[in-house]
C-alpha atoms as a PDB file:
ATOM      1  CA  UNK A   1      -0.003   0.001   0.000  1.00  0.00           C
ATOM      2  CA  UNK A   2       1.358   3.419  -0.885  1.00  0.00           C
ATOM      3  CA  UNK A   3       1.036   6.559   1.217  1.00  0.00           C
ATOM      4  CA  UNK A   4      -1.936   7.880  -0.784  1.00  0.00           C
ATOM      5  CA  UNK A   5      -3.902   4.640  -0.264  1.00  0.00           C
ATOM      6  CA  UNK A   6      -3.036   4.639   3.420  1.00  0.00           C
ATOM      7  CA  UNK A   7      -4.223   8.210   3.931  1.00  0.00           C
ATOM      8  CA  UNK A   8      -7.347   7.687   1.809  1.00  0.00           C
ATOM      9  CA  UNK A   9      -8.512   4.517   3.504  1.00  0.00           C
ATOM     10  CA  UNK A  10      -7.172   4.410   7.049  1.00  0.00           C
ATOM     11  CA  UNK A  11      -7.071   7.912   8.518  1.00  0.00           C
ATOM     12  CA  UNK A  12     -10.548   8.076  10.041  1.00  0.00           C
ATOM     13  CA  UNK A  13      -9.952   9.587  13.494  1.00  0.00           C
ATOM     14  CA  UNK A  14      -8.341  12.608  15.080  1.00  0.00           C
ATOM     15  CA  UNK A  15      -7.738  13.672  18.656  1.00  0.00           C
ATOM     16  CA  UNK A  16      -9.248  16.774  20.256  1.00  0.00           C
ATOM     17  CA  UNK A  17     -10.316  18.049  23.682  1.00  0.00           C
ATOM     18  CA  UNK A  18     -13.022  15.773  25.065  1.00  0.00           C
ATOM     19  CA  UNK A  19     -16.125  16.922  26.926  1.00  0.00           C
ATOM     20  CA  UNK A  20     -15.897  13.602  28.814  1.00  0.00           C
ATOM     21  CA  UNK A  21     -12.301  13.744  30.006  1.00  0.00           C
ATOM     22  CA  UNK A  22      -9.058  15.363  28.805  1.00  0.00           C
ATOM     23  CA  UNK A  23      -8.280  14.453  25.208  1.00  0.00           C
ATOM     24  CA  UNK A  24     -10.449  12.090  23.193  1.00  0.00           C
ATOM     25  CA  UNK A  25     -10.548  10.379  19.839  1.00  0.00           C
ATOM     26  CA  UNK A  26     -13.198  11.515  17.365  1.00  0.00           C
ATOM     27  CA  UNK A  27     -14.532  10.057  14.122  1.00  0.00           C
ATOM     28  CA  UNK A  28     -13.671  12.047  11.005  1.00  0.00           C
ATOM     29  CA  UNK A  29     -16.387  10.252   9.007  1.00  0.00           C
ATOM     30  CA  UNK A  30     -19.253   7.894   9.762  1.00  0.00           C
ATOM     31  CA  UNK A  31     -17.878   4.545  10.934  1.00  0.00           C
ATOM     32  CA  UNK A  32     -19.671   1.212  10.540  1.00  0.00           C
ATOM     33  CA  UNK A  33     -19.770  -1.792  12.863  1.00  0.00           C
ATOM     34  CA  UNK A  34     -16.812  -4.082  12.225  1.00  0.00           C
ATOM     35  CA  UNK A  35     -14.492  -1.435  10.779  1.00  0.00           C
ATOM     36  CA  UNK A  36     -10.917  -1.666  11.992  1.00  0.00           C
ATOM     37  CA  UNK A  37      -9.484   1.454  13.634  1.00  0.00           C
ATOM     38  CA  UNK A  38      -5.878   2.496  14.015  1.00  0.00           C
ATOM     39  CA  UNK A  39      -4.457   0.595  11.060  1.00  0.00           C
ATOM     40  CA  UNK A  40      -0.719   1.150  11.259  1.00  0.00           C
ATOM     41  CA  UNK A  41       1.588   2.226   8.454  1.00  0.00           C
ATOM     42  CA  UNK A  42       3.855  -0.637   7.380  1.00  0.00           C
ATOM     43  CA  UNK A  43       6.099   1.396   5.068  1.00  0.00           C
ATOM     44  CA  UNK A  44       9.264   3.299   5.864  1.00  0.00           C
ATOM     45  CA  UNK A  45       9.435   5.985   8.539  1.00  0.00           C
ATOM     46  CA  UNK A  46      10.168   9.215   6.697  1.00  0.00           C
ATOM     47  CA  UNK A  47       8.791  12.449   5.346  1.00  0.00           C
ATOM     48  CA  UNK A  48       6.568  11.894   2.322  1.00  0.00           C
ATOM     49  CA  UNK A  49       5.454  14.393  -0.273  1.00  0.00           C
ATOM     50  CA  UNK A  50       2.362  14.548  -2.407  1.00  0.00           C
ATOM     51  CA  UNK A  51       1.707  16.871  -5.290  1.00  0.00           C
ATOM     52  CA  UNK A  52      -1.191  19.239  -4.749  1.00  0.00           C
ATOM     53  CA  UNK A  53      -3.276  17.746  -7.563  1.00  0.00           C
ATOM     54  CA  UNK A  54      -3.097  14.284  -5.955  1.00  0.00           C
ATOM     55  CA  UNK A  55      -3.639  15.716  -2.475  1.00  0.00           C
ATOM     56  CA  UNK A  56      -6.826  17.401  -3.705  1.00  0.00           C
ATOM     57  CA  UNK A  57      -8.410  13.971  -4.311  1.00  0.00           C
ATOM     58  CA  UNK A  58      -8.079  12.925  -0.670  1.00  0.00           C
ATOM     59  CA  UNK A  59     -11.225  13.153   1.479  1.00  0.00           C
ATOM     60  CA  UNK A  60     -11.542  16.630   3.024  1.00  0.00           C
ATOM     61  CA  UNK A  61     -11.277  15.272   6.571  1.00  0.00           C
ATOM     62  CA  UNK A  62      -7.931  13.646   5.712  1.00  0.00           C
ATOM     63  CA  UNK A  63      -6.645  16.840   4.097  1.00  0.00           C
ATOM     64  CA  UNK A  64      -7.415  18.785   7.303  1.00  0.00           C
ATOM     65  CA  UNK A  65      -5.460  16.290   9.439  1.00  0.00           C
ATOM     66  CA  UNK A  66      -2.476  16.309   7.048  1.00  0.00           C
ATOM     67  CA  UNK A  67      -2.388  20.110   6.758  1.00  0.00           C
ATOM     68  CA  UNK A  68      -2.327  20.579  10.524  1.00  0.00           C
ATOM     69  CA  UNK A  69       0.252  17.825  11.074  1.00  0.00           C
ATOM     70  CA  UNK A  70       3.127  19.572   9.381  1.00  0.00           C
ATOM     71  CA  UNK A  71       4.083  23.009   8.131  1.00  0.00           C
ATOM     72  CA  UNK A  72       1.764  22.971   5.126  1.00  0.00           C
ATOM     73  CA  UNK A  73      -0.652  25.379   3.569  1.00  0.00           C
ATOM     74  CA  UNK A  74      -3.412  24.248   1.206  1.00  0.00           C
ATOM     75  CA  UNK A  75      -2.026  26.464  -1.565  1.00  0.00           C
ATOM     76  CA  UNK A  76       1.441  24.847  -1.555  1.00  0.00           C
ATOM     77  CA  UNK A  77       2.255  22.900  -4.767  1.00  0.00           C
ATOM     78  CA  UNK A  78       3.650  19.994  -2.709  1.00  0.00           C
ATOM     79  CA  UNK A  79       2.281  18.762   0.625  1.00  0.00           C
ATOM     80  CA  UNK A  80       4.653  17.237   3.193  1.00  0.00           C
ATOM     81  CA  UNK A  81       3.704  14.741   5.883  1.00  0.00           C
ATOM     82  CA  UNK A  82       5.383  12.158   8.073  1.00  0.00           C
ATOM     83  CA  UNK A  83       4.515   8.509   8.378  1.00  0.00           C
ATOM     84  CA  UNK A  84       6.127   6.316  10.997  1.00  0.00           C
ATOM     85  CA  UNK A  85       6.435   2.557  10.594  1.00  0.00           C
ATOM     86  CA  UNK A  86       4.039   0.653  12.847  1.00  0.00           C
ATOM     87  CA  UNK A  87       2.283   3.867  13.911  1.00  0.00           C
ATOM     88  CA  UNK A  88      -1.178   5.215  13.157  1.00  0.00           C
ATOM     89  CA  UNK A  89      -0.479   8.260  10.990  1.00  0.00           C
ATOM     90  CA  UNK A  90       1.428  10.462  13.455  1.00  0.00           C
ATOM     91  CA  UNK A  91       0.533   8.684  16.715  1.00  0.00           C
ATOM     92  CA  UNK A  92       2.599   5.794  18.050  1.00  0.00           C
ATOM     93  CA  UNK A  93      -0.179   4.555  20.352  1.00  0.00           C
ATOM     94  CA  UNK A  94      -3.481   6.237  19.437  1.00  0.00           C
ATOM     95  CA  UNK A  95      -5.583   4.182  21.826  1.00  0.00           C
ATOM     96  CA  UNK A  96      -4.146   6.135  24.777  1.00  0.00           C
ATOM     97  CA  UNK A  97      -6.230   9.126  23.596  1.00  0.00           C
ATOM     98  CA  UNK A  98      -9.425   7.078  23.501  1.00  0.00           C
ATOM     99  CA  UNK A  99     -11.660   7.491  26.520  1.00  0.00           C
ATOM    100  CA  UNK A 100     -13.592   4.457  27.733  1.00  0.00           C
ATOM    101  CA  UNK A 101     -17.203   3.776  28.626  1.00  0.00           C
ATOM    102  CA  UNK A 102     -17.046   0.315  30.157  1.00  0.00           C
ATOM    103  CA  UNK A 103     -19.282  -2.114  28.316  1.00  0.00           C
ATOM    104  CA  UNK A 104     -21.239   0.798  26.776  1.00  0.00           C
ATOM    105  CA  UNK A 105     -18.427   1.911  24.460  1.00  0.00           C
ATOM    106  CA  UNK A 106     -18.706   1.960  20.673  1.00  0.00           C
ATOM    107  CA  UNK A 107     -15.247   0.529  20.010  1.00  0.00           C
ATOM    108  CA  UNK A 108     -13.640  -2.696  21.261  1.00  0.00           C
ATOM    109  CA  UNK A 109     -10.354  -1.673  22.859  1.00  0.00           C
ATOM    110  CA  UNK A 110      -8.888  -5.155  22.387  1.00  0.00           C
ATOM    111  CA  UNK A 111      -9.810  -5.952  18.761  1.00  0.00           C
ATOM    112  CA  UNK A 112      -9.810  -2.268  17.742  1.00  0.00           C
ATOM    113  CA  UNK A 113     -13.068  -2.742  15.818  1.00  0.00           C
ATOM    114  CA  UNK A 114     -16.186  -0.579  15.847  1.00  0.00           C
ATOM    115  CA  UNK A 115     -19.010  -2.234  17.825  1.00  0.00           C
ATOM    116  CA  UNK A 116     -21.753   0.396  17.312  1.00  0.00           C
ATOM    117  CA  UNK A 117     -22.277   2.841  14.427  1.00  0.00           C
ATOM    118  CA  UNK A 118     -20.402   6.107  14.998  1.00  0.00           C
ATOM    119  CA  UNK A 119     -21.264   9.396  13.281  1.00  0.00           C
ATOM    120  CA  UNK A 120     -18.681  11.875  12.017  1.00  0.00           C
ATOM    121  CA  UNK A 121     -17.633  14.132  14.908  1.00  0.00           C
ATOM    122  CA  UNK A 122     -18.758  11.654  17.577  1.00  0.00           C
ATOM    123  CA  UNK A 123     -16.296  10.639  20.263  1.00  0.00           C
ATOM    124  CA  UNK A 124     -15.013   7.095  20.042  1.00  0.00           C
ATOM    125  CA  UNK A 125     -15.309   5.340  23.384  1.00  0.00           C
ATOM    126  CA  UNK A 126     -13.456   2.141  24.126  1.00  0.00           C
ATOM    127  CA  UNK A 127     -14.696  -0.770  26.148  1.00  0.00           C
ATOM    128  CA  UNK A 128     -13.102  -2.629  28.965  1.00  0.00           C
ATOM    129  CA  UNK A 129     -14.075  -5.622  31.016  1.00  0.00           C
ATOM    130  CA  UNK A 130     -13.343  -5.356  34.721  1.00  0.00           C
ATOM    131  CA  UNK A 131     -13.003  -9.128  35.109  1.00  0.00           C
ATOM    132  CA  UNK A 132      -9.840  -8.843  32.978  1.00  0.00           C
ATOM    133  CA  UNK A 133      -8.379  -6.008  35.054  1.00  0.00           C
ATOM    134  CA  UNK A 134      -5.598  -6.601  37.548  1.00  0.00           C
ATOM    135  CA  UNK A 135      -6.408  -5.268  40.971  1.00  0.00           C
END
């Protein structure tokens, strides 16, 4: 998979201040049950570039995340961004920014799959099972 395919198909969340607690993870587009979150980049860790005309075909929500992640401006002829091997876009461990809601969450924190439909802009809330927690 090349960088364009990765950005187009796997960047579906961003972090922002949470009304629940601290920082949270939010859906950039509607997410369906069974979708996998936090797909990691398997390519090289480095700075990538994309020509503006190719960048313009990315979903708008991805373009916003890329623009704010590096010193870019939408009018630049070439867009720069970093991808890190085995990381989710620019986060090494994105699940640490995901608040939890016990069994009422909309995302399985273990399998990293969506368990309830999530609308764009909605906070993603992980699940946990207290019987599996060390006391």
